[in-house]
Structure formats: structure tokens, C-alpha cells
Amino acid sequence: LDEPDRLPPDIHIFTSTKQPWIVLPPGTPAVAEYYKASERWPAESLARRAALIAAAKKP
């Protein structure tokens, strides 16, 4: 990314294998492996994802 500050992470994943010198910023959720979108994503994002999946299944 040319301007990485414009897209900060919503959540840090796979932190169980991060290098010890990587310091994660406070205030951003972090999980050891991956996560269930249904537990972390806003309802609006889940609805948008469901609509895209449904549209992709149509012939």
C-alpha cells in the first residue's frame, strides 16, 4: 500500500506466530489464530457478505 495509514487493521490475526519484536497497538483486537466473522463483524458487514455469497451462487 502506498498509504498504509489510510487502512489500519480492524483486527490482528495469527498473533500466536508473530515475531516477538512486533508490537501490536493497543485498542485493536488481536486473536491467536483466526476468528468467526459472525462474532466480530458488524451486522451491516455480515449482511453485505451474505448478499455477495447469494449473488455468486446464481447462474
C-alpha atoms as a PDB file:
ATOM      1  CA  LEU A   1       0.000   0.000   0.000  1.00  0.00           C
ATOM      2  CA  ASP A   2       1.241   3.451  -0.828  1.00  0.00           C
ATOM      3  CA  GLU A   3      -0.562   4.952   2.170  1.00  0.00           C
ATOM      4  CA  PRO A   4      -0.969   2.201   4.777  1.00  0.00           C
ATOM      5  CA  ASP A   5      -2.238   4.636   7.414  1.00  0.00           C
ATOM      6  CA  ARG A   6      -5.443   5.030   5.405  1.00  0.00           C
ATOM      7  CA  LEU A   7      -6.388   1.375   6.014  1.00  0.00           C
ATOM      8  CA  PRO A   8      -5.468   0.382   9.562  1.00  0.00           C
ATOM      9  CA  PRO A   9      -6.344  -3.186  10.593  1.00  0.00           C
ATOM     10  CA  ASP A  10      -9.699  -3.900  12.241  1.00  0.00           C
ATOM     11  CA  ILE A  11      -8.248  -6.944  13.978  1.00  0.00           C
ATOM     12  CA  HIS A  12      -4.858  -8.643  14.161  1.00  0.00           C
ATOM     13  CA  ILE A  13      -4.943 -12.361  13.311  1.00  0.00           C
ATOM     14  CA  PHE A  14      -2.496 -15.236  13.763  1.00  0.00           C
ATOM     15  CA  THR A  15      -0.752 -13.394  16.577  1.00  0.00           C
ATOM     16  CA  SER A  16       0.408 -16.684  18.111  1.00  0.00           C
ATOM     17  CA  THR A  17       3.090 -16.859  15.420  1.00  0.00           C
ATOM     18  CA  LYS A  18       4.090 -13.197  15.283  1.00  0.00           C
ATOM     19  CA  GLN A  19       7.698 -12.279  15.826  1.00  0.00           C
ATOM     20  CA  PRO A  20       8.495 -11.103  19.362  1.00  0.00           C
ATOM     21  CA  TRP A  21       9.717  -7.734  18.092  1.00  0.00           C
ATOM     22  CA  ILE A  22       6.295  -6.961  16.577  1.00  0.00           C
ATOM     23  CA  VAL A  23       4.376  -4.712  18.962  1.00  0.00           C
ATOM     24  CA  LEU A  24       0.642  -4.626  18.382  1.00  0.00           C
ATOM     25  CA  PRO A  25      -1.022  -1.284  19.034  1.00  0.00           C
ATOM     26  CA  PRO A  26      -3.420  -1.060  21.951  1.00  0.00           C
ATOM     27  CA  GLY A  27      -7.077  -0.675  21.132  1.00  0.00           C
ATOM     28  CA  THR A  28      -7.120  -3.018  18.127  1.00  0.00           C
ATOM     29  CA  PRO A  29      -8.446  -6.532  18.827  1.00  0.00           C
ATOM     30  CA  ALA A  30      -5.987  -9.391  18.412  1.00  0.00           C
ATOM     31  CA  VAL A  31      -6.588 -13.141  18.210  1.00  0.00           C
ATOM     32  CA  ALA A  32      -4.152 -16.036  18.346  1.00  0.00           C
ATOM     33  CA  GLU A  33      -5.416 -17.712  15.175  1.00  0.00           C
ATOM     34  CA  TYR A  34      -8.476 -16.708  13.146  1.00  0.00           C
ATOM     35  CA  TYR A  35     -11.980 -15.742  14.236  1.00  0.00           C
ATOM     36  CA  LYS A  36     -15.634 -16.243  13.353  1.00  0.00           C
ATOM     37  CA  ALA A  37     -16.911 -13.313  11.320  1.00  0.00           C
ATOM     38  CA  SER A  38     -20.309 -13.698  12.984  1.00  0.00           C
ATOM     39  CA  GLU A  39     -18.680 -12.914  16.335  1.00  0.00           C
ATOM     40  CA  ARG A  40     -16.614  -9.931  15.226  1.00  0.00           C
ATOM     41  CA  TRP A  41     -18.146  -8.256  12.156  1.00  0.00           C
ATOM     42  CA  PRO A  42     -20.862  -5.602  12.349  1.00  0.00           C
ATOM     43  CA  ALA A  43     -24.344  -6.690  11.217  1.00  0.00           C
ATOM     44  CA  GLU A  44     -24.053  -4.449   8.144  1.00  0.00           C
ATOM     45  CA  SER A  45     -20.880  -6.221   7.018  1.00  0.00           C
ATOM     46  CA  LEU A  46     -22.402  -9.658   7.598  1.00  0.00           C
ATOM     47  CA  ALA A  47     -25.447  -8.713   5.514  1.00  0.00           C
ATOM     48  CA  ARG A  48     -23.259  -7.420   2.689  1.00  0.00           C
ATOM     49  CA  ARG A  49     -21.220 -10.645   2.744  1.00  0.00           C
ATOM     50  CA  ALA A  50     -24.374 -12.790   2.683  1.00  0.00           C
ATOM     51  CA  ALA A  51     -25.713 -10.837  -0.301  1.00  0.00           C
ATOM     52  CA  LEU A  52     -22.449 -11.300  -2.202  1.00  0.00           C
ATOM     53  CA  ILE A  53     -22.382 -15.037  -1.498  1.00  0.00           C
ATOM     54  CA  ALA A  54     -26.005 -15.387  -2.639  1.00  0.00           C
ATOM     55  CA  ALA A  55     -25.297 -13.418  -5.818  1.00  0.00           C
ATOM     56  CA  ALA A  56     -22.265 -15.576  -6.590  1.00  0.00           C
ATOM     57  CA  LYS A  57     -24.387 -18.738  -6.424  1.00  0.00           C
ATOM     58  CA  LYS A  58     -26.836 -17.516  -9.059  1.00  0.00           C
ATOM     59  CA  PRO A  59     -26.270 -18.874 -12.590  1.00  0.00           C
END
